[in-house]
């Protein structure tokens, strides 16, 4: 059993869209919060095109998604939600985003970053790729005092050495960490249900006669039942790989200044040796 460090960590989840976190690692976030760690969620876009409805403006969608994110993250025990407000759909300028993320790694003294794997195969959404890559670079480069030195002017910020990046969701590598979310799976499901997009997906899969934009209390009960079935099944399927009742999977990279601490692992895999067994926490 691999245990988290005894001291409270500052954990920053850097996501592209308001509903990204709940699907992929809400159970883990809730567990870390219960363990006493400080959880921050930094959402890079407003999610302003994330709907198939034709009766809403982009501004209305953005406002809805932010309210949903805050309601969901309250369930998970998130300490603070930060919105960068970039437009949804692949319009984030990479260098500008990296500079902002370095700033937040330093300001929040981020010990652990949770984000998308930018090397995942067949990941089509440019926001996921850009956010994952810039979050990774920010985690590795925030320690350098000569990078964006204006951020350290007048002693407001200092360089900070982030320890690791946890990749969630679609992975470009076999998972090397599994988190037991048996005790927080219910929180995950309740957080997922705060998003209209989640209700839309569940309705499409199980109840196409329900309009997610006009859900009655009775409809919500039905969708909640289907959501429980779906997400408990998904968590059980992931957990089965490592003999857990419910789990979420990650690919974790430890960080050295400007690099991942993965040279030995890469050499072993290059020579055809199997990776080490995954760690359970």
Protein backbone atom coordinates (compact mmCIF):
# COMPACT_ATOMS: atom_id res chain seq x y z
CA UNK A 1 0.00 0.00 0.00
CA UNK A 2 1.46 3.34 -1.07
CA UNK A 3 0.39 6.14 1.26
CA UNK A 4 0.28 9.86 0.58
CA UNK A 5 2.76 12.05 2.36
CA UNK A 6 1.78 12.86 5.91
CA UNK A 7 1.98 16.62 5.35
CA UNK A 8 -0.82 18.47 3.61
CA UNK A 9 -0.12 18.82 -0.10
CA UNK A 10 -1.21 21.61 -2.40
CA UNK A 11 -2.85 19.76 -5.29
CA UNK A 12 -3.83 21.72 -8.40
CA UNK A 13 -6.10 20.14 -10.99
CA UNK A 14 -5.61 21.96 -14.31
CA UNK A 15 -8.49 21.20 -16.65
CA UNK A 16 -9.73 22.48 -19.98
CA UNK A 17 -13.49 22.53 -19.40
CA UNK A 18 -15.68 22.79 -16.30
CA UNK A 19 -16.92 19.18 -16.45
CA UNK A 20 -13.55 17.51 -17.20
CA UNK A 21 -12.60 16.70 -13.63
CA UNK A 22 -15.73 14.89 -12.51
CA UNK A 23 -15.63 12.10 -15.09
CA UNK A 24 -11.97 11.21 -14.75
CA UNK A 25 -10.88 11.75 -11.16
CA UNK A 26 -13.60 13.18 -8.92
CA UNK A 27 -13.38 10.19 -6.58
CA UNK A 28 -9.66 10.74 -6.15
CA UNK A 29 -10.06 14.49 -5.60
CA UNK A 30 -12.71 13.85 -2.92
CA UNK A 31 -10.46 11.29 -1.24
CA UNK A 32 -7.48 13.63 -1.18
CA UNK A 33 -9.66 16.38 0.25
CA UNK A 34 -10.88 14.06 3.00
CA UNK A 35 -7.22 13.22 3.70
CA UNK A 36 -6.61 16.89 4.50
CA UNK A 37 -4.90 18.07 1.33
CA UNK A 38 -5.58 21.49 -0.23
CA UNK A 39 -7.34 21.06 -3.57
CA UNK A 40 -7.44 23.82 -6.18
CA UNK A 41 -9.16 23.51 -9.55
CA UNK A 42 -7.94 25.74 -12.36
CA UNK A 43 -10.26 25.67 -15.38
CA UNK A 44 -8.68 27.13 -18.50
CA UNK A 45 -11.74 27.69 -20.71
CA UNK A 46 -15.25 28.84 -19.97
CA UNK A 47 -16.72 25.80 -21.72
CA UNK A 48 -18.82 28.24 -23.73
CA UNK A 49 -19.55 25.95 -26.71
CA UNK A 50 -20.07 22.77 -24.70
CA UNK A 51 -23.70 22.11 -25.58
CA UNK A 52 -25.76 20.73 -28.45
CA UNK A 53 -28.72 22.94 -27.52
CA UNK A 54 -29.71 25.71 -29.91
CA UNK A 55 -31.57 27.91 -27.43
CA UNK A 56 -28.51 29.21 -25.54
CA UNK A 57 -25.86 31.84 -26.23
CA UNK A 58 -22.18 31.23 -25.54
CA UNK A 59 -22.41 33.61 -22.59
CA UNK A 60 -25.30 31.65 -21.12
CA UNK A 61 -23.45 28.35 -21.54
CA UNK A 62 -20.32 29.77 -19.89
CA UNK A 63 -22.34 31.07 -16.94
CA UNK A 64 -24.13 27.72 -16.57
CA UNK A 65 -20.91 25.72 -16.70
CA UNK A 66 -19.18 27.84 -14.06
CA UNK A 67 -22.13 27.45 -11.68
CA UNK A 68 -22.14 23.69 -12.31
CA UNK A 69 -18.39 23.46 -11.67
CA UNK A 70 -18.67 25.30 -8.36
CA UNK A 71 -21.60 23.15 -7.23
CA UNK A 72 -19.81 19.93 -8.18
CA UNK A 73 -16.51 20.92 -6.59
CA UNK A 74 -18.24 21.88 -3.36
CA UNK A 75 -19.30 18.24 -3.07
CA UNK A 76 -15.70 17.13 -3.67
CA UNK A 77 -14.20 19.44 -1.04
CA UNK A 78 -12.29 21.70 -3.42
CA UNK A 79 -10.76 24.67 -1.62
CA UNK A 80 -10.79 27.15 -4.50
CA UNK A 81 -11.97 27.31 -8.12
CA UNK A 82 -10.02 29.47 -10.55
CA UNK A 83 -11.38 30.36 -14.02
CA UNK A 84 -9.01 31.62 -16.72
CA UNK A 85 -11.87 32.29 -19.15
CA UNK A 86 -10.30 31.28 -22.49
CA UNK A 87 -12.83 30.44 -25.22
CA UNK A 88 -13.70 26.79 -25.73
CA UNK A 89 -12.80 24.94 -28.93
CA UNK A 90 -9.05 25.25 -29.56
CA UNK A 91 -8.32 28.96 -29.21
CA UNK A 92 -5.88 28.91 -26.27
CA UNK A 93 -2.49 30.52 -27.06
CA UNK A 94 0.13 28.04 -25.83
CA UNK A 95 2.95 30.38 -24.60
CA UNK A 96 0.48 32.68 -22.86
CA UNK A 97 -1.17 29.76 -21.08
CA UNK A 98 2.17 28.32 -19.97
CA UNK A 99 3.16 31.65 -18.42
CA UNK A 100 -0.13 31.84 -16.51
CA UNK A 101 0.19 28.25 -15.31
CA UNK A 102 3.78 28.82 -14.10
CA UNK A 103 2.40 31.77 -12.16
CA UNK A 104 -0.22 29.60 -10.46
CA UNK A 105 2.22 26.77 -9.73
CA UNK A 106 4.33 29.36 -7.91
CA UNK A 107 1.45 31.21 -6.26
CA UNK A 108 -0.33 28.08 -5.01
CA UNK A 109 2.95 26.25 -4.28
CA UNK A 110 1.65 23.29 -6.23
CA UNK A 111 3.14 20.01 -5.03
CA UNK A 112 1.07 17.89 -7.40
CA UNK A 113 -0.55 18.74 -10.72
CA UNK A 114 -3.49 16.72 -12.09
CA UNK A 115 -4.19 17.21 -15.79
CA UNK A 116 -4.69 15.56 -19.20
CA UNK A 117 -2.08 13.35 -20.83
CA UNK A 118 -1.05 15.36 -23.92
CA UNK A 119 0.53 12.23 -25.42
CA UNK A 120 -2.67 10.17 -25.39
CA UNK A 121 -3.36 8.45 -28.71
CA UNK A 122 -6.39 9.66 -30.69
CA UNK A 123 -7.18 12.53 -28.33
CA UNK A 124 -9.01 14.84 -30.74
CA UNK A 125 -9.84 17.84 -28.53
CA UNK A 126 -7.16 20.55 -28.91
CA UNK A 127 -8.02 22.09 -25.52
CA UNK A 128 -7.19 18.83 -23.74
CA UNK A 129 -3.87 18.55 -25.56
CA UNK A 130 -2.83 22.18 -25.06
CA UNK A 131 -3.83 22.27 -21.40
CA UNK A 132 -2.12 18.96 -20.63
CA UNK A 133 1.10 19.99 -22.34
CA UNK A 134 1.28 23.49 -20.88
CA UNK A 135 0.40 22.21 -17.39
CA UNK A 136 3.21 19.67 -17.68
CA UNK A 137 5.70 22.29 -18.78
CA UNK A 138 4.61 24.66 -16.02
CA UNK A 139 5.11 21.93 -13.43
CA UNK A 140 8.63 21.23 -14.71
CA UNK A 141 9.75 24.84 -15.33
CA UNK A 142 8.28 26.82 -12.41
CA UNK A 143 11.44 26.11 -10.41
CA UNK A 144 13.68 28.18 -12.72
CA UNK A 145 14.19 31.72 -11.33
CA UNK A 146 15.20 33.11 -14.75
CA UNK A 147 11.91 32.04 -16.34
CA UNK A 148 9.33 34.86 -16.19
CA UNK A 149 11.43 36.75 -13.61
CA UNK A 150 8.86 39.54 -13.54
CA UNK A 151 6.61 37.18 -11.58
CA UNK A 152 9.12 37.30 -8.73
CA UNK A 153 9.46 41.08 -8.69
CA UNK A 154 9.19 42.62 -5.21
CA UNK A 155 9.22 39.16 -3.63
CA UNK A 156 5.55 38.44 -4.37
CA UNK A 157 6.33 34.97 -5.74
CA UNK A 158 9.26 32.58 -5.61
CA UNK A 159 10.35 29.73 -7.88
CA UNK A 160 8.65 26.51 -6.80
CA UNK A 161 9.59 22.89 -7.39
CA UNK A 162 6.46 20.88 -8.18
CA UNK A 163 6.99 17.21 -7.35
CA UNK A 164 4.80 15.28 -9.78
CA UNK A 165 2.16 15.31 -12.51
CA UNK A 166 -0.80 12.91 -12.39
CA UNK A 167 -2.34 12.31 -15.82
CA UNK A 168 -6.04 11.46 -15.81
CA UNK A 169 -8.55 10.21 -18.36
CA UNK A 170 -7.30 8.96 -21.72
CA UNK A 171 -3.69 7.88 -21.21
CA UNK A 172 -0.81 7.44 -23.61
CA UNK A 173 0.80 4.89 -21.30
CA UNK A 174 -0.30 2.04 -19.08
CA UNK A 175 -1.48 3.37 -15.69
CA UNK A 176 1.14 3.20 -12.96
CA UNK A 177 -1.11 4.39 -10.10
CA UNK A 178 -4.59 3.28 -9.10
CA UNK A 179 -6.57 5.11 -6.42
CA UNK A 180 -9.17 3.22 -4.39
CA UNK A 181 -12.33 5.37 -4.56
CA UNK A 182 -14.70 2.94 -2.86
CA UNK A 183 -15.37 5.43 -0.06
CA UNK A 184 -15.84 8.46 -2.35
CA UNK A 185 -17.60 6.99 -5.38
CA UNK A 186 -20.95 8.38 -4.24
CA UNK A 187 -19.47 11.89 -4.07
CA UNK A 188 -18.14 11.44 -7.59
CA UNK A 189 -21.55 10.45 -8.94
CA UNK A 190 -23.31 13.30 -7.14
CA UNK A 191 -20.77 15.76 -8.58
CA UNK A 192 -21.22 14.37 -12.10
CA UNK A 193 -24.97 14.90 -11.85
CA UNK A 194 -24.47 18.65 -11.35
CA UNK A 195 -23.60 19.04 -15.04
CA UNK A 196 -26.23 19.29 -17.74
CA UNK A 197 -23.74 17.71 -20.15
CA UNK A 198 -23.59 14.64 -17.90
CA UNK A 199 -27.38 14.44 -17.75
CA UNK A 200 -27.46 14.69 -21.55
CA UNK A 201 -25.03 11.79 -21.94
CA UNK A 202 -26.90 9.62 -19.46
CA UNK A 203 -30.24 10.42 -21.09
CA UNK A 204 -28.86 9.55 -24.54
CA UNK A 205 -27.59 6.21 -23.26
CA UNK A 206 -30.49 5.13 -21.09
CA UNK A 207 -33.52 7.44 -21.37
CA UNK A 208 -33.77 9.29 -24.72
CA UNK A 209 -37.30 10.40 -23.85
CA UNK A 210 -35.99 12.67 -21.04
CA UNK A 211 -35.08 16.26 -21.98
CA UNK A 212 -31.91 17.15 -20.01
CA UNK A 213 -32.79 20.85 -20.28
CA UNK A 214 -36.09 20.30 -18.46
CA UNK A 215 -35.53 17.57 -15.90
CA UNK A 216 -38.37 16.97 -13.45
CA UNK A 217 -37.66 15.61 -9.95
CA UNK A 218 -38.91 12.22 -11.15
CA UNK A 219 -36.67 12.36 -14.23
CA UNK A 220 -33.69 13.27 -12.05
CA UNK A 221 -34.31 10.19 -9.91
CA UNK A 222 -34.27 8.03 -13.04
CA UNK A 223 -31.11 9.65 -14.40
CA UNK A 224 -29.44 9.32 -10.98
CA UNK A 225 -30.23 5.62 -11.00
CA UNK A 226 -28.73 5.20 -14.47
CA UNK A 227 -25.68 7.31 -13.51
CA UNK A 228 -25.05 5.11 -10.50
CA UNK A 229 -25.20 2.04 -12.71
CA UNK A 230 -22.88 3.51 -15.35
CA UNK A 231 -20.19 5.05 -13.15
CA UNK A 232 -20.12 2.24 -10.61
CA UNK A 233 -19.61 -0.15 -13.50
CA UNK A 234 -16.78 1.98 -14.90
CA UNK A 235 -15.06 2.27 -11.51
CA UNK A 236 -15.43 -1.45 -10.94
CA UNK A 237 -13.96 -2.22 -14.35
CA UNK A 238 -10.89 -0.10 -13.63
CA UNK A 239 -10.57 -1.49 -10.11
CA UNK A 240 -10.77 -5.06 -11.32
CA UNK A 241 -7.34 -4.67 -12.89
CA UNK A 242 -5.78 -4.34 -9.44
CA UNK A 243 -8.36 -6.17 -7.29
CA UNK A 244 -10.15 -3.06 -6.01
CA UNK A 245 -13.93 -2.66 -5.84
CA UNK A 246 -13.78 0.83 -7.38
CA UNK A 247 -10.82 2.77 -8.70
CA UNK A 248 -9.52 5.56 -10.91
CA UNK A 249 -6.36 5.14 -12.97
CA UNK A 250 -3.48 7.55 -13.56
CA UNK A 251 -0.10 7.77 -15.20
CA UNK A 252 2.19 9.61 -12.78
CA UNK A 253 5.46 11.30 -13.66
CA UNK A 254 7.88 12.54 -11.00
CA UNK A 255 9.57 15.82 -11.83
CA UNK A 256 13.15 17.05 -11.96
CA UNK A 257 13.92 20.67 -12.94
CA UNK A 258 12.95 20.92 -16.60
CA UNK A 259 12.44 17.16 -16.98
CA UNK A 260 10.46 14.15 -15.91
CA UNK A 261 12.36 11.81 -13.60
CA UNK A 262 11.80 8.88 -15.96
CA UNK A 263 15.17 8.09 -17.53
CA UNK A 264 15.54 4.64 -15.95
CA UNK A 265 11.97 3.70 -16.80
CA UNK A 266 12.37 4.79 -20.42
CA UNK A 267 15.62 2.83 -20.74
CA UNK A 268 14.00 -0.33 -19.31
CA UNK A 269 11.06 -0.08 -21.71
CA UNK A 270 13.37 0.68 -24.66
CA UNK A 271 15.18 -2.58 -23.89
CA UNK A 272 11.92 -4.49 -23.79
CA UNK A 273 11.62 -4.97 -20.05
CA UNK A 274 8.10 -4.79 -18.58
CA UNK A 275 7.12 -1.77 -16.47
CA UNK A 276 6.92 -2.09 -12.71
CA UNK A 277 3.59 -3.20 -11.18
CA UNK A 278 1.22 -0.27 -10.61
CA UNK A 279 1.05 1.36 -7.20
CA UNK A 280 -2.19 1.38 -5.22
CA UNK A 281 -3.24 4.27 -3.00
